[in-house]
Amino acid sequence: MKLKITVFLIVLVLAGNVLKIFISDNIKTKVEIDESGLTMKQKEYSQDYDKMDINRSEYEDLITAGFSKSQAEKISVYKEFAGDVFSINELSAIKGFGKAGMEKAERFLYVSREEKVRNRHNINKLDEGTLKLTGFTNKEIKIILPVIKKKKIRSNIELIELIGSDRYAEIESRLKYYD
């Protein structure tokens, strides 16, 4: 009787492992990247998604992907200003890009894992629009603009006093204080 139970348990364990292997092979994401490195074809759950690396895409590529001329222009201008995009969510800082633009960006664009370079901007030379592109909220911009107009922000310590250390940590890589 003990032998039958032991054999039954061994068969049960083996069957479980075979089933686990079968299920995990069907769930894994398979990614193919074309020769240019621009388009990633992702196959998951038998659906196909064509996504484009936002940092390698150009205006024409964005138009081809389905963005309007206005949206493609705004993305291109943002990339020129900010440098490489680290997250698709950064596009929400673009004035007038909107919810529909963000949904389209999430559907058609991805951020590669390659090393990225962020453009740094002198905070004392930024206006309201470029402060927004840099990642500041409207509330922070209302605090920062009068200080910039009245006197210059000379260091990270002064900026931390204005917006707090947590927010500063999020945007510090985008700023400089002198040219």
N, C-alpha and C. Protein backbone atom coordinates (compact mmCIF):
# COMPACT_ATOMS: atom_id res chain seq x y z
N MET A 1 0.81 -1.19 0.00
CA MET A 1 0.00 0.00 0.00
C MET A 1 0.87 1.27 0.00
N LYS A 2 1.96 1.26 0.81
CA LYS A 2 2.87 2.40 0.86
C LYS A 2 3.53 2.62 -0.49
N LEU A 3 3.84 1.53 -1.19
CA LEU A 3 4.47 1.63 -2.51
C LEU A 3 3.53 2.30 -3.51
N LYS A 4 2.25 1.97 -3.47
CA LYS A 4 1.28 2.56 -4.38
C LYS A 4 1.13 4.07 -4.12
N ILE A 5 1.11 4.45 -2.86
CA ILE A 5 0.99 5.87 -2.51
C ILE A 5 2.23 6.62 -2.95
N THR A 6 3.41 6.04 -2.75
CA THR A 6 4.66 6.67 -3.15
C THR A 6 4.71 6.85 -4.67
N VAL A 7 4.34 5.83 -5.41
CA VAL A 7 4.33 5.91 -6.87
C VAL A 7 3.32 6.97 -7.32
N PHE A 8 2.15 6.98 -6.68
CA PHE A 8 1.12 7.95 -7.03
C PHE A 8 1.63 9.38 -6.81
N LEU A 9 2.30 9.63 -5.68
CA LEU A 9 2.83 10.97 -5.38
C LEU A 9 3.91 11.37 -6.38
N ILE A 10 4.78 10.45 -6.75
CA ILE A 10 5.83 10.74 -7.73
C ILE A 10 5.22 11.11 -9.08
N VAL A 11 4.22 10.34 -9.51
CA VAL A 11 3.54 10.63 -10.78
C VAL A 11 2.85 12.00 -10.71
N LEU A 12 2.24 12.30 -9.57
CA LEU A 12 1.56 13.57 -9.38
C LEU A 12 2.55 14.74 -9.46
N VAL A 13 3.70 14.62 -8.82
CA VAL A 13 4.73 15.66 -8.87
C VAL A 13 5.25 15.85 -10.29
N LEU A 14 5.53 14.76 -10.99
CA LEU A 14 6.00 14.84 -12.37
C LEU A 14 4.96 15.50 -13.27
N ALA A 15 3.71 15.13 -13.11
CA ALA A 15 2.65 15.72 -13.92
C ALA A 15 2.53 17.22 -13.63
N GLY A 16 2.67 17.61 -12.38
CA GLY A 16 2.63 19.03 -12.00
C GLY A 16 3.76 19.82 -12.64
N ASN A 17 4.96 19.25 -12.66
CA ASN A 17 6.11 19.92 -13.27
C ASN A 17 5.93 20.07 -14.77
N VAL A 18 5.43 19.05 -15.43
CA VAL A 18 5.18 19.11 -16.88
C VAL A 18 4.14 20.20 -17.16
N LEU A 19 3.08 20.24 -16.37
CA LEU A 19 2.04 21.24 -16.54
C LEU A 19 2.60 22.65 -16.30
N LYS A 20 3.43 22.83 -15.29
CA LYS A 20 4.05 24.12 -14.99
C LYS A 20 4.90 24.59 -16.16
N ILE A 21 5.69 23.70 -16.72
CA ILE A 21 6.55 24.05 -17.87
C ILE A 21 5.68 24.44 -19.06
N PHE A 22 4.63 23.71 -19.32
CA PHE A 22 3.74 24.00 -20.45
C PHE A 22 3.08 25.36 -20.28
N ILE A 23 2.58 25.66 -19.10
CA ILE A 23 1.90 26.92 -18.85
C ILE A 23 2.88 28.09 -18.93
N SER A 24 4.06 27.98 -18.31
CA SER A 24 5.00 29.10 -18.30
C SER A 24 5.54 29.38 -19.70
N ASP A 25 5.68 28.37 -20.55
CA ASP A 25 6.12 28.60 -21.93
C ASP A 25 5.09 29.38 -22.72
N ASN A 26 3.82 29.20 -22.42
CA ASN A 26 2.77 29.89 -23.16
C ASN A 26 2.55 31.32 -22.68
N ILE A 27 2.98 31.66 -21.48
CA ILE A 27 2.76 32.99 -20.93
C ILE A 27 3.91 33.93 -21.23
N LYS A 28 5.11 33.44 -21.41
CA LYS A 28 6.28 34.29 -21.61
C LYS A 28 6.08 35.23 -22.79
N THR A 29 6.67 36.41 -22.64
CA THR A 29 6.63 37.41 -23.69
C THR A 29 7.81 37.17 -24.63
N LYS A 30 7.54 37.19 -25.91
CA LYS A 30 8.60 37.05 -26.90
C LYS A 30 8.75 38.38 -27.60
N VAL A 31 9.98 38.86 -27.70
CA VAL A 31 10.24 40.16 -28.28
C VAL A 31 11.19 40.01 -29.46
N GLU A 32 10.84 40.66 -30.57
CA GLU A 32 11.70 40.69 -31.73
C GLU A 32 11.97 42.15 -32.04
N ILE A 33 13.21 42.51 -32.33
CA ILE A 33 13.54 43.88 -32.68
C ILE A 33 14.06 43.88 -34.11
N ASP A 34 13.53 44.79 -34.92
CA ASP A 34 13.95 44.82 -36.31
C ASP A 34 15.39 45.30 -36.44
N GLU A 35 15.93 45.27 -37.66
CA GLU A 35 17.34 45.56 -37.91
C GLU A 35 17.74 46.95 -37.44
N SER A 36 16.86 47.93 -37.58
CA SER A 36 17.22 49.30 -37.20
C SER A 36 17.19 49.49 -35.68
N GLY A 37 16.58 48.55 -34.98
CA GLY A 37 16.44 48.69 -33.53
C GLY A 37 15.30 49.62 -33.17
N LEU A 38 14.52 50.05 -34.16
CA LEU A 38 13.49 51.04 -33.93
C LEU A 38 12.17 50.43 -33.47
N THR A 39 11.78 49.33 -34.06
CA THR A 39 10.47 48.75 -33.75
C THR A 39 10.62 47.46 -32.97
N MET A 40 9.85 47.34 -31.92
CA MET A 40 9.83 46.13 -31.12
C MET A 40 8.51 45.44 -31.40
N LYS A 41 8.55 44.21 -31.79
CA LYS A 41 7.32 43.44 -32.00
C LYS A 41 7.18 42.52 -30.79
N GLN A 42 6.16 42.72 -30.05
CA GLN A 42 5.97 41.99 -28.81
C GLN A 42 4.79 41.04 -28.99
N LYS A 43 5.02 39.77 -28.70
CA LYS A 43 3.95 38.79 -28.80
C LYS A 43 3.65 38.28 -27.40
N GLU A 44 2.45 38.56 -26.96
CA GLU A 44 2.07 38.14 -25.62
C GLU A 44 0.62 37.70 -25.66
N TYR A 45 0.33 36.55 -25.10
CA TYR A 45 -1.01 36.01 -25.10
C TYR A 45 -1.61 36.00 -26.50
N SER A 46 -0.81 35.70 -27.48
CA SER A 46 -1.16 35.58 -28.89
C SER A 46 -1.69 36.89 -29.50
N GLN A 47 -1.38 38.04 -28.88
CA GLN A 47 -1.70 39.33 -29.48
C GLN A 47 -0.39 39.97 -29.94
N ASP A 48 -0.44 40.73 -31.00
CA ASP A 48 0.75 41.40 -31.51
C ASP A 48 0.63 42.90 -31.27
N TYR A 49 1.70 43.49 -30.78
CA TYR A 49 1.76 44.92 -30.59
C TYR A 49 3.02 45.42 -31.29
N ASP A 50 2.89 46.41 -32.11
CA ASP A 50 4.05 47.04 -32.70
C ASP A 50 4.32 48.31 -31.92
N LYS A 51 5.49 48.38 -31.32
CA LYS A 51 5.86 49.55 -30.55
C LYS A 51 7.19 50.09 -31.07
N MET A 52 7.36 51.37 -30.93
CA MET A 52 8.54 52.05 -31.42
C MET A 52 9.28 52.67 -30.24
N ASP A 53 10.61 52.57 -30.26
CA ASP A 53 11.43 53.19 -29.23
C ASP A 53 11.32 54.70 -29.37
N ILE A 54 10.82 55.35 -28.37
CA ILE A 54 10.61 56.80 -28.43
C ILE A 54 11.92 57.55 -28.61
N ASN A 55 13.01 57.04 -28.06
CA ASN A 55 14.28 57.75 -28.14
C ASN A 55 14.96 57.61 -29.50
N ARG A 56 14.55 56.65 -30.29
CA ARG A 56 15.12 56.50 -31.64
C ARG A 56 14.17 56.99 -32.72
N SER A 57 12.96 57.28 -32.35
CA SER A 57 11.96 57.69 -33.34
C SER A 57 12.15 59.15 -33.72
N GLU A 58 11.79 59.46 -34.93
CA GLU A 58 11.83 60.82 -35.43
C GLU A 58 10.42 61.24 -35.82
N TYR A 59 10.26 62.48 -36.19
CA TYR A 59 8.95 63.05 -36.53
C TYR A 59 8.20 62.16 -37.53
N GLU A 60 8.85 61.78 -38.61
CA GLU A 60 8.21 60.97 -39.66
C GLU A 60 7.76 59.61 -39.12
N ASP A 61 8.59 59.01 -38.24
CA ASP A 61 8.24 57.72 -37.65
C ASP A 61 6.98 57.83 -36.79
N LEU A 62 6.87 58.94 -36.06
CA LEU A 62 5.70 59.15 -35.21
C LEU A 62 4.44 59.33 -36.05
N ILE A 63 4.56 60.04 -37.17
CA ILE A 63 3.43 60.21 -38.09
C ILE A 63 3.00 58.84 -38.62
N THR A 64 3.98 58.03 -39.04
CA THR A 64 3.70 56.69 -39.57
C THR A 64 3.01 55.82 -38.51
N ALA A 65 3.38 56.01 -37.25
CA ALA A 65 2.80 55.21 -36.17
C ALA A 65 1.36 55.60 -35.86
N GLY A 66 0.90 56.75 -36.38
CA GLY A 66 -0.48 57.14 -36.16
C GLY A 66 -0.68 58.40 -35.35
N PHE A 67 0.40 59.08 -34.98
CA PHE A 67 0.27 60.34 -34.27
C PHE A 67 -0.10 61.44 -35.25
N SER A 68 -0.84 62.42 -34.78
CA SER A 68 -1.16 63.58 -35.63
C SER A 68 0.11 64.40 -35.81
N LYS A 69 0.10 65.31 -36.78
CA LYS A 69 1.27 66.18 -37.01
C LYS A 69 1.57 67.00 -35.76
N SER A 70 0.53 67.47 -35.10
CA SER A 70 0.69 68.27 -33.89
C SER A 70 1.31 67.45 -32.77
N GLN A 71 0.81 66.24 -32.57
CA GLN A 71 1.36 65.37 -31.51
C GLN A 71 2.80 65.00 -31.81
N ALA A 72 3.09 64.65 -33.06
CA ALA A 72 4.45 64.28 -33.44
C ALA A 72 5.41 65.45 -33.23
N GLU A 73 4.96 66.64 -33.58
CA GLU A 73 5.79 67.85 -33.40
C GLU A 73 6.06 68.09 -31.92
N LYS A 74 5.02 67.95 -31.08
CA LYS A 74 5.18 68.17 -29.65
C LYS A 74 6.14 67.16 -29.03
N ILE A 75 6.05 65.90 -29.44
CA ILE A 75 6.97 64.88 -28.93
C ILE A 75 8.39 65.20 -29.37
N SER A 76 8.57 65.58 -30.62
CA SER A 76 9.91 65.89 -31.15
C SER A 76 10.52 67.09 -30.43
N VAL A 77 9.73 68.12 -30.19
CA VAL A 77 10.22 69.31 -29.47
C VAL A 77 10.58 68.94 -28.04
N TYR A 78 9.75 68.14 -27.41
CA TYR A 78 10.05 67.70 -26.03
C TYR A 78 11.36 66.93 -25.98
N LYS A 79 11.55 66.00 -26.91
CA LYS A 79 12.78 65.20 -26.92
C LYS A 79 14.00 66.07 -27.15
N GLU A 80 13.87 67.06 -28.02
CA GLU A 80 14.99 67.97 -28.28
C GLU A 80 15.33 68.76 -27.02
N PHE A 81 14.31 69.17 -26.28
CA PHE A 81 14.51 69.94 -25.05
C PHE A 81 15.05 69.07 -23.92
N ALA A 82 14.40 67.96 -23.68
CA ALA A 82 14.69 67.15 -22.49
C ALA A 82 15.84 66.17 -22.67
N GLY A 83 16.13 65.79 -23.90
CA GLY A 83 17.09 64.72 -24.12
C GLY A 83 16.34 63.40 -24.19
N ASP A 84 16.97 62.34 -23.82
CA ASP A 84 16.31 61.04 -23.88
C ASP A 84 15.14 60.97 -22.90
N VAL A 85 14.13 60.26 -23.32
CA VAL A 85 12.94 60.05 -22.50
C VAL A 85 13.17 58.82 -21.62
N PHE A 86 12.95 58.96 -20.33
CA PHE A 86 13.16 57.87 -19.39
C PHE A 86 11.88 57.09 -19.14
N SER A 87 10.73 57.73 -19.35
CA SER A 87 9.43 57.10 -19.11
C SER A 87 8.40 57.75 -20.03
N ILE A 88 7.49 56.95 -20.56
CA ILE A 88 6.43 57.48 -21.41
C ILE A 88 5.61 58.52 -20.65
N ASN A 89 5.50 58.37 -19.33
CA ASN A 89 4.72 59.31 -18.52
C ASN A 89 5.26 60.73 -18.57
N GLU A 90 6.52 60.90 -18.95
CA GLU A 90 7.09 62.25 -19.08
C GLU A 90 6.32 63.08 -20.09
N LEU A 91 5.73 62.43 -21.07
CA LEU A 91 5.02 63.17 -22.12
C LEU A 91 3.81 63.92 -21.57
N SER A 92 3.37 63.57 -20.38
CA SER A 92 2.23 64.29 -19.78
C SER A 92 2.59 65.73 -19.45
N ALA A 93 3.89 66.06 -19.42
CA ALA A 93 4.32 67.44 -19.17
C ALA A 93 4.15 68.33 -20.40
N ILE A 94 3.89 67.73 -21.55
CA ILE A 94 3.75 68.49 -22.79
C ILE A 94 2.39 69.18 -22.80
N LYS A 95 2.40 70.49 -22.92
CA LYS A 95 1.16 71.28 -22.92
C LYS A 95 0.32 70.89 -24.13
N GLY A 96 -0.94 70.56 -23.88
CA GLY A 96 -1.87 70.25 -24.95
C GLY A 96 -1.75 68.84 -25.50
N PHE A 97 -0.91 68.01 -24.90
CA PHE A 97 -0.77 66.64 -25.41
C PHE A 97 -2.00 65.82 -25.07
N GLY A 98 -2.51 66.00 -23.88
CA GLY A 98 -3.79 65.44 -23.50
C GLY A 98 -3.83 63.95 -23.21
N LYS A 99 -4.99 63.53 -22.75
CA LYS A 99 -5.23 62.14 -22.37
C LYS A 99 -5.17 61.23 -23.60
N ALA A 100 -5.76 61.66 -24.71
CA ALA A 100 -5.76 60.83 -25.93
C ALA A 100 -4.33 60.64 -26.44
N GLY A 101 -3.52 61.69 -26.36
CA GLY A 101 -2.12 61.59 -26.78
C GLY A 101 -1.35 60.63 -25.90
N MET A 102 -1.61 60.67 -24.59
CA MET A 102 -0.94 59.76 -23.66
C MET A 102 -1.34 58.31 -23.93
N GLU A 103 -2.62 58.09 -24.19
CA GLU A 103 -3.08 56.73 -24.48
C GLU A 103 -2.43 56.20 -25.75
N LYS A 104 -2.33 57.05 -26.75
CA LYS A 104 -1.69 56.66 -28.01
C LYS A 104 -0.20 56.38 -27.78
N ALA A 105 0.46 57.21 -26.98
CA ALA A 105 1.88 57.03 -26.68
C ALA A 105 2.11 55.70 -25.96
N GLU A 106 1.26 55.39 -25.01
CA GLU A 106 1.41 54.13 -24.27
C GLU A 106 1.17 52.93 -25.18
N ARG A 107 0.32 53.11 -26.18
CA ARG A 107 0.00 52.02 -27.10
C ARG A 107 1.09 51.80 -28.15
N PHE A 108 1.73 52.88 -28.63
CA PHE A 108 2.65 52.77 -29.76
C PHE A 108 4.12 52.97 -29.43
N LEU A 109 4.44 53.46 -28.24
CA LEU A 109 5.84 53.77 -27.92
C LEU A 109 6.31 52.99 -26.70
N TYR A 110 7.61 52.76 -26.64
CA TYR A 110 8.23 52.19 -25.46
C TYR A 110 9.56 52.87 -25.24
N VAL A 111 10.12 52.70 -24.05
CA VAL A 111 11.42 53.27 -23.72
C VAL A 111 12.40 52.10 -23.60
N SER A 112 13.42 52.12 -24.44
CA SER A 112 14.40 51.04 -24.41
C SER A 112 15.20 51.08 -23.12
N ARG A 113 15.90 50.02 -22.86
CA ARG A 113 16.70 49.94 -21.64
C ARG A 113 18.12 50.44 -21.85
N GLU A 114 18.40 50.98 -23.02
CA GLU A 114 19.72 51.52 -23.30
C GLU A 114 20.01 52.69 -22.37
N GLU A 115 21.31 52.98 -22.19
CA GLU A 115 21.69 54.11 -21.35
C GLU A 115 21.15 55.40 -21.98
N LYS A 116 20.65 56.27 -21.14
CA LYS A 116 20.02 57.49 -21.62
C LYS A 116 20.76 58.73 -21.12
N VAL A 117 20.61 59.82 -21.86
CA VAL A 117 21.25 61.08 -21.49
C VAL A 117 20.16 62.14 -21.34
N ARG A 118 20.20 62.83 -20.24
CA ARG A 118 19.21 63.88 -19.96
C ARG A 118 19.89 65.24 -20.21
N ASN A 119 19.20 66.13 -20.92
CA ASN A 119 19.69 67.50 -21.08
C ASN A 119 19.46 68.26 -19.79
N ARG A 120 20.46 69.01 -19.36
CA ARG A 120 20.33 69.83 -18.16
C ARG A 120 20.14 71.28 -18.58
N HIS A 121 19.24 71.98 -17.88
CA HIS A 121 18.92 73.36 -18.23
C HIS A 121 19.14 74.27 -17.02
N ASN A 122 19.63 75.46 -17.31
CA ASN A 122 19.82 76.46 -16.27
C ASN A 122 18.45 76.93 -15.81
N ILE A 123 18.11 76.64 -14.58
CA ILE A 123 16.78 76.97 -14.04
C ILE A 123 16.50 78.46 -14.11
N ASN A 124 17.54 79.28 -14.03
CA ASN A 124 17.35 80.72 -14.04
C ASN A 124 17.02 81.28 -15.41
N LYS A 125 17.12 80.47 -16.45
CA LYS A 125 16.81 80.92 -17.81
C LYS A 125 15.52 80.30 -18.35
N LEU A 126 14.80 79.57 -17.51
CA LEU A 126 13.58 78.90 -17.95
C LEU A 126 12.36 79.79 -17.72
N ASP A 127 11.41 79.72 -18.66
CA ASP A 127 10.15 80.42 -18.50
C ASP A 127 9.09 79.42 -18.03
N GLU A 128 7.86 79.85 -17.95
CA GLU A 128 6.79 78.99 -17.44
C GLU A 128 6.65 77.70 -18.25
N GLY A 129 6.67 77.82 -19.57
CA GLY A 129 6.51 76.64 -20.43
C GLY A 129 7.64 75.66 -20.30
N THR A 130 8.87 76.16 -20.25
CA THR A 130 10.02 75.25 -20.16
C THR A 130 10.18 74.69 -18.75
N LEU A 131 9.72 75.41 -17.74
CA LEU A 131 9.70 74.83 -16.39
C LEU A 131 8.75 73.64 -16.35
N LYS A 132 7.62 73.78 -17.04
CA LYS A 132 6.65 72.68 -17.12
C LYS A 132 7.27 71.48 -17.84
N LEU A 133 7.95 71.73 -18.96
CA LEU A 133 8.61 70.64 -19.69
C LEU A 133 9.71 69.98 -18.85
N THR A 134 10.31 70.75 -17.97
CA THR A 134 11.36 70.21 -17.11
C THR A 134 10.79 69.29 -16.05
N GLY A 135 9.50 69.41 -15.78
CA GLY A 135 8.86 68.49 -14.84
C GLY A 135 8.25 69.14 -13.62
N PHE A 136 8.29 70.47 -13.56
CA PHE A 136 7.69 71.16 -12.42
C PHE A 136 6.17 71.21 -12.56
N THR A 137 5.49 71.15 -11.42
CA THR A 137 4.03 71.27 -11.41
C THR A 137 3.66 72.75 -11.50
N ASN A 138 2.40 73.04 -11.81
CA ASN A 138 1.94 74.43 -11.88
C ASN A 138 2.12 75.14 -10.54
N LYS A 139 1.86 74.43 -9.46
CA LYS A 139 2.03 75.01 -8.12
C LYS A 139 3.50 75.38 -7.87
N GLU A 140 4.40 74.50 -8.25
CA GLU A 140 5.84 74.77 -8.07
C GLU A 140 6.29 75.93 -8.96
N ILE A 141 5.75 76.00 -10.16
CA ILE A 141 6.12 77.08 -11.09
C ILE A 141 5.70 78.43 -10.51
N LYS A 142 4.53 78.50 -9.87
CA LYS A 142 4.07 79.75 -9.26
C LYS A 142 4.99 80.18 -8.12
N ILE A 143 5.65 79.24 -7.48
CA ILE A 143 6.59 79.55 -6.40
C ILE A 143 7.95 79.94 -6.98
N ILE A 144 8.39 79.23 -8.01
CA ILE A 144 9.73 79.41 -8.55
C ILE A 144 9.87 80.67 -9.41
N LEU A 145 8.90 80.96 -10.27
CA LEU A 145 9.02 82.08 -11.22
C LEU A 145 9.32 83.42 -10.54
N PRO A 146 8.60 83.80 -9.48
CA PRO A 146 8.93 85.08 -8.84
C PRO A 146 10.35 85.12 -8.27
N VAL A 147 10.83 83.98 -7.78
CA VAL A 147 12.18 83.93 -7.23
C VAL A 147 13.20 84.11 -8.35
N ILE A 148 12.95 83.48 -9.49
CA ILE A 148 13.87 83.61 -10.64
C ILE A 148 13.89 85.06 -11.13
N LYS A 149 12.72 85.72 -11.18
CA LYS A 149 12.64 87.09 -11.67
C LYS A 149 13.26 88.09 -10.69
N LYS A 150 13.10 87.80 -9.39
CA LYS A 150 13.61 88.70 -8.36
C LYS A 150 15.11 88.52 -8.14
N LYS A 151 15.52 87.29 -8.05
CA LYS A 151 16.93 86.94 -7.87
C LYS A 151 17.13 85.56 -8.47
N LYS A 152 18.34 85.15 -8.61
CA LYS A 152 18.61 83.84 -9.19
C LYS A 152 18.60 82.76 -8.12
N ILE A 153 18.23 81.54 -8.54
CA ILE A 153 18.38 80.38 -7.66
C ILE A 153 19.81 79.90 -7.88
N ARG A 154 20.62 80.00 -6.86
CA ARG A 154 22.05 79.75 -7.02
C ARG A 154 22.49 78.32 -6.71
N SER A 155 21.64 77.56 -6.03
CA SER A 155 22.08 76.21 -5.65
C SER A 155 20.89 75.29 -5.44
N ASN A 156 21.22 74.02 -5.32
CA ASN A 156 20.19 73.03 -5.05
C ASN A 156 19.54 73.26 -3.69
N ILE A 157 20.28 73.79 -2.75
CA ILE A 157 19.73 74.04 -1.41
C ILE A 157 18.59 75.05 -1.49
N GLU A 158 18.77 76.10 -2.29
CA GLU A 158 17.71 77.10 -2.44
C GLU A 158 16.47 76.48 -3.10
N LEU A 159 16.70 75.62 -4.09
CA LEU A 159 15.56 74.99 -4.76
C LEU A 159 14.85 74.01 -3.83
N ILE A 160 15.61 73.27 -3.03
CA ILE A 160 15.01 72.34 -2.06
C ILE A 160 14.12 73.09 -1.08
N GLU A 161 14.54 74.29 -0.67
CA GLU A 161 13.73 75.10 0.24
C GLU A 161 12.40 75.50 -0.40
N LEU A 162 12.40 75.64 -1.72
CA LEU A 162 11.18 76.06 -2.42
C LEU A 162 10.23 74.90 -2.70
N ILE A 163 10.77 73.73 -3.10
CA ILE A 163 9.89 72.63 -3.55
C ILE A 163 9.97 71.37 -2.69
N GLY A 164 10.93 71.29 -1.81
CA GLY A 164 11.07 70.11 -0.95
C GLY A 164 12.06 69.11 -1.52
N SER A 165 12.64 68.33 -0.65
CA SER A 165 13.70 67.41 -1.05
C SER A 165 13.20 66.24 -1.90
N ASP A 166 11.98 65.77 -1.65
CA ASP A 166 11.45 64.65 -2.44
C ASP A 166 11.26 65.05 -3.89
N ARG A 167 10.65 66.21 -4.13
CA ARG A 167 10.44 66.66 -5.51
C ARG A 167 11.77 67.00 -6.17
N TYR A 168 12.68 67.58 -5.39
CA TYR A 168 13.99 67.90 -5.96
C TYR A 168 14.69 66.63 -6.45
N ALA A 169 14.59 65.56 -5.68
CA ALA A 169 15.23 64.30 -6.06
C ALA A 169 14.70 63.79 -7.40
N GLU A 170 13.43 64.07 -7.70
CA GLU A 170 12.83 63.61 -8.95
C GLU A 170 13.32 64.39 -10.17
N ILE A 171 13.70 65.65 -9.99
CA ILE A 171 14.04 66.48 -11.15
C ILE A 171 15.47 66.99 -11.16
N GLU A 172 16.26 66.62 -10.19
CA GLU A 172 17.62 67.18 -10.08
C GLU A 172 18.47 66.92 -11.32
N SER A 173 18.29 65.79 -11.99
CA SER A 173 19.13 65.46 -13.15
C SER A 173 18.82 66.35 -14.36
N ARG A 174 17.78 67.15 -14.28
CA ARG A 174 17.37 68.01 -15.40
C ARG A 174 17.85 69.45 -15.26
N LEU A 175 18.46 69.77 -14.13
CA LEU A 175 18.75 71.17 -13.82
C LEU A 175 20.23 71.46 -13.61
N LYS A 176 20.56 72.73 -13.85
CA LYS A 176 21.83 73.30 -13.44
C LYS A 176 21.55 74.73 -13.05
N TYR A 177 22.50 75.39 -12.41
CA TYR A 177 22.26 76.72 -11.88
C TYR A 177 23.10 77.78 -12.56
N TYR A 178 24.15 77.35 -13.23
CA TYR A 178 25.01 78.28 -13.97
C TYR A 178 25.35 77.64 -15.31
N ASP A 179 25.68 78.46 -16.30
CA ASP A 179 26.07 77.92 -17.60
C ASP A 179 27.53 77.54 -17.61
